[in-house]
Protein backbone atom coordinates (compact mmCIF):
# COMPACT_ATOMS: atom_id res chain seq x y z
CA MET A 1 -27.42 -30.34 -24.41
CA SER A 2 -24.37 -28.52 -23.09
CA PRO A 3 -22.88 -29.79 -19.83
CA LEU A 4 -24.00 -28.12 -16.63
CA LEU A 5 -21.67 -25.64 -14.99
CA PRO A 6 -21.14 -25.49 -11.23
CA ALA A 7 -24.18 -23.67 -9.90
CA MET A 8 -25.37 -21.86 -6.80
CA GLN A 9 -28.39 -23.17 -4.98
CA ILE A 10 -31.21 -20.67 -5.46
CA PRO A 11 -34.56 -21.27 -3.76
CA LEU A 12 -37.83 -20.98 -5.60
CA THR A 13 -40.19 -18.35 -4.26
CA THR A 14 -43.54 -19.90 -3.43
CA LEU A 15 -46.54 -17.67 -4.16
CA SER A 16 -49.44 -19.07 -2.20
CA ASP A 17 -52.19 -17.21 -4.07
CA LEU A 18 -51.31 -18.69 -7.46
CA PRO A 19 -53.20 -21.83 -8.52
CA ASP A 20 -51.49 -25.17 -8.11
CA ALA A 21 -50.64 -26.57 -11.54
CA GLU A 22 -51.56 -30.24 -11.49
CA GLY A 23 -49.59 -30.86 -8.31
CA GLN A 24 -46.33 -30.57 -10.18
CA ILE A 25 -42.91 -30.21 -8.59
CA ILE A 26 -40.38 -28.00 -10.30
CA LEU A 27 -36.70 -28.54 -9.71
CA ALA A 28 -34.42 -25.68 -10.57
CA TYR A 29 -30.76 -25.89 -11.42
CA LEU A 30 -29.34 -22.47 -12.14
CA ALA A 31 -25.86 -21.79 -13.44
CA TRP A 32 -24.47 -18.30 -13.85
CA THR A 33 -21.38 -16.81 -15.46
CA ASN A 34 -19.82 -13.37 -15.80
CA GLN A 35 -20.98 -12.12 -12.40
CA TYR A 36 -24.66 -12.91 -12.91
CA SER A 37 -24.79 -11.28 -16.34
CA SER A 38 -25.79 -14.41 -18.23
CA LEU A 39 -28.36 -17.03 -17.36
CA ARG A 40 -26.85 -20.30 -18.56
CA LEU A 41 -29.51 -22.76 -17.55
CA LEU A 42 -32.76 -22.96 -15.68
CA TYR A 43 -33.94 -26.54 -15.54
CA PRO A 44 -37.57 -27.32 -14.61
CA MET A 45 -38.62 -30.85 -13.77
CA MET A 46 -41.91 -32.66 -13.59
CA SER A 47 -42.87 -35.72 -11.58
CA THR A 48 -43.81 -37.37 -14.89
CA PRO A 49 -40.76 -38.04 -17.11
CA ASP A 50 -42.76 -37.66 -20.33
CA TRP A 51 -43.04 -33.91 -19.87
CA THR A 52 -40.76 -31.56 -21.77
CA PHE A 53 -40.32 -27.81 -21.55
CA LEU A 54 -39.41 -25.13 -24.04
CA TRP A 55 -37.41 -22.02 -23.32
CA PRO A 56 -38.64 -18.92 -25.16
CA ASN A 57 -35.81 -19.63 -27.63
CA ARG A 58 -37.51 -23.03 -28.20
CA GLN A 59 -34.66 -25.09 -26.74
CA ARG A 60 -36.18 -28.31 -25.41
CA PHE A 61 -35.48 -29.96 -22.06
CA HIS A 62 -36.73 -33.36 -20.95
CA ALA A 63 -37.68 -34.07 -17.37
CA GLY A 64 -35.40 -37.08 -17.13
CA ASP A 65 -32.25 -35.31 -18.30
CA LEU A 66 -31.18 -33.71 -15.02
CA ALA A 67 -28.73 -35.96 -13.22
CA SER A 68 -28.47 -34.16 -9.87
CA ILE A 69 -31.16 -32.47 -7.81
CA VAL A 70 -30.19 -29.21 -6.16
CA GLU A 71 -33.47 -28.31 -4.51
CA VAL A 72 -37.07 -29.44 -4.67
CA GLN A 73 -39.97 -27.15 -3.87
CA GLU A 74 -43.58 -27.07 -4.90
CA CYS A 75 -44.15 -24.07 -7.17
CA PRO A 76 -47.84 -23.07 -7.35
CA GLY A 77 -47.03 -20.83 -10.32
CA GLY A 78 -46.88 -23.94 -12.44
CA PRO A 79 -45.23 -24.11 -15.83
CA SER A 80 -46.15 -20.55 -16.84
CA TRP A 81 -43.71 -18.86 -14.48
CA VAL A 82 -40.88 -19.81 -12.18
CA PHE A 83 -39.70 -17.38 -9.53
CA LEU A 84 -36.06 -17.52 -8.50
CA HIS A 85 -34.50 -15.47 -5.75
CA GLU A 86 -30.80 -14.92 -5.25
CA PRO A 87 -30.50 -14.31 -1.47
CA HIS A 88 -27.39 -12.13 -1.67
CA HIS A 89 -28.82 -9.60 -4.11
CA ASP A 90 -31.83 -7.29 -4.12
CA PHE A 91 -33.53 -8.85 -7.11
CA PHE A 92 -35.27 -11.98 -8.27
CA LEU A 93 -36.14 -13.44 -11.63
CA LYS A 94 -39.56 -14.09 -13.09
CA VAL A 95 -38.94 -16.78 -15.68
CA PRO A 96 -41.46 -17.65 -18.41
CA LEU A 97 -41.75 -21.26 -19.51
CA ARG A 98 -43.49 -22.95 -22.38
CA ARG A 99 -44.73 -26.42 -21.57
CA THR A 100 -45.22 -29.26 -24.01
CA GLN A 101 -46.62 -32.73 -23.43
CA GLU A 102 -45.39 -35.53 -25.64
CA SER A 103 -48.32 -37.76 -26.48
CA SER A 104 -49.95 -39.54 -29.38
CA THR A 105 -52.21 -36.54 -29.86
CA GLY A 106 -49.30 -34.16 -30.38
CA HIS A 107 -47.75 -31.32 -28.40
CA ILE A 108 -49.57 -28.91 -26.11
CA TYR A 109 -47.79 -25.73 -25.11
CA ARG A 110 -48.58 -22.47 -23.40
CA THR A 111 -48.07 -19.27 -25.31
CA LEU A 112 -45.87 -16.47 -24.06
CA ALA A 113 -48.38 -13.77 -24.93
CA ALA A 114 -48.84 -12.70 -21.30
CA HIS A 115 -45.08 -12.50 -20.84
CA HIS A 116 -44.63 -10.36 -23.95
CA ARG A 117 -47.45 -8.05 -22.84
CA GLU A 118 -45.88 -7.64 -19.42
CA VAL A 119 -42.41 -6.90 -20.79
CA GLU A 120 -43.85 -4.36 -23.22
CA ALA A 121 -45.92 -2.68 -20.49
CA PHE A 122 -43.01 -2.44 -18.03
CA THR A 123 -40.88 -0.97 -20.82
CA CYS A 124 -43.53 1.61 -21.66
CA LEU A 125 -43.94 2.56 -17.98
CA ASN A 126 -40.24 2.56 -17.16
CA GLY A 127 -39.44 5.33 -14.69
CA VAL A 128 -43.08 6.04 -13.82
CA GLU A 129 -43.68 6.61 -10.12
CA GLY A 130 -45.55 3.68 -8.61
CA ILE A 131 -44.40 1.15 -11.22
CA ALA A 132 -41.78 -1.42 -10.22
CA ASN A 133 -38.48 -1.07 -12.06
CA CYS A 134 -38.63 -4.39 -13.91
CA LYS A 135 -36.41 -5.04 -16.90
CA GLU A 136 -36.12 -7.80 -19.45
CA PHE A 137 -33.18 -10.08 -18.70
CA SER A 138 -31.37 -12.96 -20.37
CA GLN A 139 -33.54 -15.55 -22.15
CA GLY A 140 -36.76 -13.62 -21.62
CA CYS A 141 -36.62 -13.38 -17.82
CA LEU A 142 -37.84 -10.30 -16.00
CA LEU A 143 -35.38 -8.88 -13.49
CA MET A 144 -37.52 -7.59 -10.62
CA PRO A 145 -36.82 -5.76 -7.33
CA HIS A 146 -36.84 -8.02 -4.29
CA TYR A 147 -40.00 -6.47 -2.82
CA CYS A 148 -42.02 -7.81 -5.78
CA ARG A 149 -41.89 -11.26 -4.17
CA GLU A 150 -44.54 -10.30 -1.61
CA THR A 151 -47.78 -8.79 -2.86
CA VAL A 152 -50.24 -6.75 -0.82
CA SER A 153 -52.52 -9.78 -1.04
CA HIS A 154 -49.86 -11.86 0.75
CA ARG A 155 -49.60 -9.27 3.49
CA MET A 156 -53.35 -9.27 3.96
CA LYS A 157 -53.30 -13.02 4.51
CA ALA A 158 -51.18 -12.39 7.61
CA GLY A 159 -54.37 -11.15 9.27
CA LEU A 160 -55.57 -8.02 10.99
CA ALA A 161 -52.79 -8.31 13.57
CA CYS A 162 -50.42 -7.07 10.86
CA LYS A 163 -52.79 -4.38 9.62
CA PRO A 164 -50.85 -1.19 8.82
CA PRO A 165 -51.85 2.11 10.46
CA LYS A 166 -54.87 3.83 8.97
CA ALA A 167 -52.89 6.88 7.86
CA LEU A 168 -50.48 4.67 5.90
CA ARG A 169 -53.33 2.81 4.22
CA TRP A 170 -54.91 6.12 3.21
CA THR A 171 -51.56 7.13 1.71
CA TRP A 172 -51.50 3.92 -0.33
CA MET A 173 -55.06 4.58 -1.50
CA ALA A 174 -54.02 8.00 -2.81
CA GLN A 175 -50.99 6.40 -4.47
CA ALA A 176 -53.25 3.83 -6.17
CA VAL A 177 -55.24 6.67 -7.75
CA LYS A 178 -52.02 8.34 -8.94
CA ILE A 179 -50.74 5.05 -10.40
CA ILE A 180 -53.85 4.62 -12.55
CA GLY A 181 -53.56 8.27 -13.53
CA GLU A 182 -49.99 7.83 -14.77
CA CYS A 183 -50.77 4.58 -16.58
CA HIS A 184 -53.76 6.08 -18.39
CA ARG A 185 -51.76 9.20 -19.23
CA LEU A 186 -49.36 6.91 -21.08
CA ARG A 187 -52.32 5.02 -22.59
CA VAL A 188 -51.67 1.81 -20.66
CA LEU A 189 -54.64 -0.06 -19.20
CA ILE A 190 -53.65 -2.42 -16.38
CA ALA A 191 -56.74 -4.58 -17.03
CA ASP A 192 -56.25 -6.58 -13.81
CA PHE A 193 -55.61 -4.00 -11.10
CA SER A 194 -55.86 -5.69 -7.70
CA VAL A 195 -53.99 -6.20 -4.44
CA ARG A 196 -52.45 -9.25 -6.12
CA SER A 197 -50.67 -6.97 -8.58
CA LEU A 198 -49.36 -4.53 -5.95
CA SER A 199 -46.41 -4.66 -3.55
CA ILE A 200 -44.98 -2.43 -0.83
CA THR A 201 -41.45 -1.11 -1.29
CA ASP A 202 -38.80 -0.74 1.40
CA ASP A 203 -39.77 2.93 1.82
CA HIS A 204 -43.44 1.93 2.33
CA SER A 205 -44.66 3.05 -1.08
CA LEU A 206 -47.19 1.23 -3.24
CA HIS A 207 -45.90 -0.18 -6.55
CA VAL A 208 -47.46 -2.17 -9.38
CA THR A 209 -45.49 -5.40 -9.84
CA LYS A 210 -47.70 -7.38 -12.23
CA LEU A 211 -48.75 -6.30 -15.72
CA GLU A 212 -49.49 -9.61 -17.45
CA ASN A 213 -52.85 -8.37 -18.75
CA ALA A 214 -51.86 -4.80 -19.55
CA ILE A 215 -53.03 -3.21 -22.79
CA ILE A 216 -51.13 -0.43 -24.57
CA LEU A 217 -53.53 1.59 -26.69
CA ASP A 218 -52.63 3.41 -29.88
CA GLU A 219 -53.11 7.16 -30.04
CA GLU A 220 -56.17 6.89 -32.27
CA VAL A 221 -58.01 4.57 -29.87
CA ASP A 222 -60.63 6.16 -27.62
CA MET A 223 -59.84 4.92 -24.10
CA ILE A 224 -63.40 5.51 -22.95
CA LYS A 225 -65.34 3.82 -25.74
CA GLU A 226 -62.91 1.17 -26.98
CA GLU A 227 -64.28 -2.35 -26.60
CA GLY A 228 -66.65 -2.13 -23.68
CA GLN A 229 -65.28 0.97 -21.96
CA ARG A 230 -61.95 -0.46 -20.89
CA ALA A 231 -60.93 2.64 -18.95
CA ARG A 232 -64.02 2.21 -16.78
CA ASP A 233 -62.95 -1.38 -16.13
CA ASP A 234 -59.67 -0.14 -14.66
CA LEU A 235 -61.60 2.40 -12.58
CA TYR A 236 -63.95 -0.33 -11.35
CA ASP A 237 -60.91 -2.34 -10.24
CA LEU A 238 -59.46 0.81 -8.67
CA GLY A 239 -62.56 1.07 -6.48
CA THR A 240 -62.06 -2.50 -5.27
CA VAL A 241 -58.36 -1.87 -4.57
CA LEU A 242 -59.29 1.23 -2.55
CA TYR A 243 -61.84 -0.80 -0.60
CA ASP A 244 -59.37 -3.62 0.06
CA LEU A 245 -56.64 -1.24 1.22
CA SER A 246 -59.03 0.55 3.54
CA THR A 247 -60.36 -2.62 5.17
CA TRP A 248 -57.12 -4.61 4.80
CA LEU A 249 -59.19 -7.54 3.54
CA GLU A 250 -59.04 -8.89 0.01
CA SER A 251 -62.43 -8.97 -1.69
CA PRO A 252 -63.79 -12.40 -2.69
CA SER A 253 -63.26 -11.46 -6.33
CA THR A 254 -61.57 -8.60 -8.13
CA SER A 255 -62.69 -9.82 -11.52
CA GLY A 256 -65.20 -7.06 -12.17
CA PRO A 257 -68.98 -7.03 -12.53
CA CYS A 258 -69.09 -10.37 -14.36
CA GLY A 259 -67.33 -12.17 -11.53
CA PRO A 260 -68.92 -14.11 -8.64
CA TRP A 261 -68.77 -11.03 -6.41
CA THR A 262 -70.39 -7.87 -7.77
CA ALA A 263 -69.24 -4.76 -5.98
CA GLN A 264 -72.28 -2.68 -6.95
CA SER A 265 -74.51 -4.93 -4.86
CA HIS A 266 -72.23 -4.51 -1.87
CA THR A 267 -72.17 -0.73 -1.53
CA TYR A 268 -73.57 -1.16 1.98
CA LEU A 269 -70.06 -2.31 2.90
CA LEU A 270 -68.98 1.32 2.62
CA ASN A 271 -70.95 2.28 5.73
CA GLY A 272 -68.51 3.80 8.18
CA PHE A 273 -66.00 4.86 5.53
CA ARG A 274 -64.77 8.44 5.38
CA THR A 275 -67.12 10.46 3.19
CA CYS A 276 -64.44 11.10 0.58
CA TRP A 277 -63.50 7.45 0.08
CA ARG A 278 -67.10 6.23 0.32
CA THR A 279 -68.05 8.63 -2.48
CA ILE A 280 -65.10 7.74 -4.72
CA ILE A 281 -65.33 3.96 -4.26
CA SER A 282 -69.09 3.99 -4.81
CA LYS A 283 -68.72 6.00 -8.04
CA CYS A 284 -66.00 3.61 -9.26
CA TRP A 285 -68.15 0.57 -8.55
CA ASN A 286 -71.22 2.10 -10.18
CA ARG A 287 -69.18 3.21 -13.23
CA ARG A 288 -70.04 6.86 -12.80
CA TYR A 289 -66.49 7.85 -13.74
CA SER A 290 -65.50 7.88 -17.40
CA THR A 291 -61.85 8.84 -16.92
CA ILE A 292 -59.24 8.77 -14.19
CA GLN A 293 -59.11 12.57 -14.44
CA GLU A 294 -62.62 12.67 -12.97
CA VAL A 295 -61.48 10.48 -10.06
CA MET A 296 -58.47 12.71 -9.44
CA ALA A 297 -60.67 15.82 -9.58
CA ASP A 298 -62.83 14.38 -6.79
CA CYS A 299 -59.69 13.46 -4.84
CA ARG A 300 -58.42 17.03 -5.10
CA GLU A 301 -61.81 18.38 -4.06
CA PHE A 302 -61.71 16.18 -0.96
CA GLY A 303 -58.10 17.16 -0.25
CA ILE A 304 -56.76 13.65 -0.87
CA LEU A 305 -54.31 14.68 -3.62
């Protein structure tokens, strides 16, 4: 292993809505050269010295190899992702990690399939309004705008005291419809559209900042009929996002009709909604839309778009 260069202390960003990964503690030691153009070393640590990690380039690091500790923080993202923020710049890094465990039964490691899907999706949607400008960086990292650190879900956890004005939330609801419209136009299914995958920019716009489950469909694939009506799944999730933005409360589950919370059985929750949004959300939840174009047609009829 090459010697460590002098490094800046860079805090890990803690994302409270991500599951805790076996109570692990990750220590990060980050060294940069050439004015932040090259990531020399990110070093994760575990409380158990038998753990090793693999970079995407398959370089191995052992937990006991780091001599000095720069900073210790609990990282609920676990070994799949590490989030690093450089406080003097308007970006942060989303770093993929492969984890192995050395044992008599062999090595166990996480695949990077989700990371590759996300990079491919952000590349396909580059420049699309409502999609965060995220780019692949050195050693497989994603370079992300600073606002991606805080999702809409995080903001909702601050409580109703921080609830944005109704007019602004309605604007975000219209933007959510447009985002799905642009993604489907480019044949990208988000596949996990929720307030956990959305952030608010500095100019108070809604942006997608998470595409780990995105699916890019070939031209010959029917978006409506392919494998269980995937387009309708995105539209179902859209209905839940619209509901969450309107109430400023995250639903118990945004995992669709097979999850523990089934939106179709909770349509009574739409009592008191504006007629336009009550109609659109109800039709999303009850899968009465086949395409996003139908949703947008209703939005135009109601004067939303």
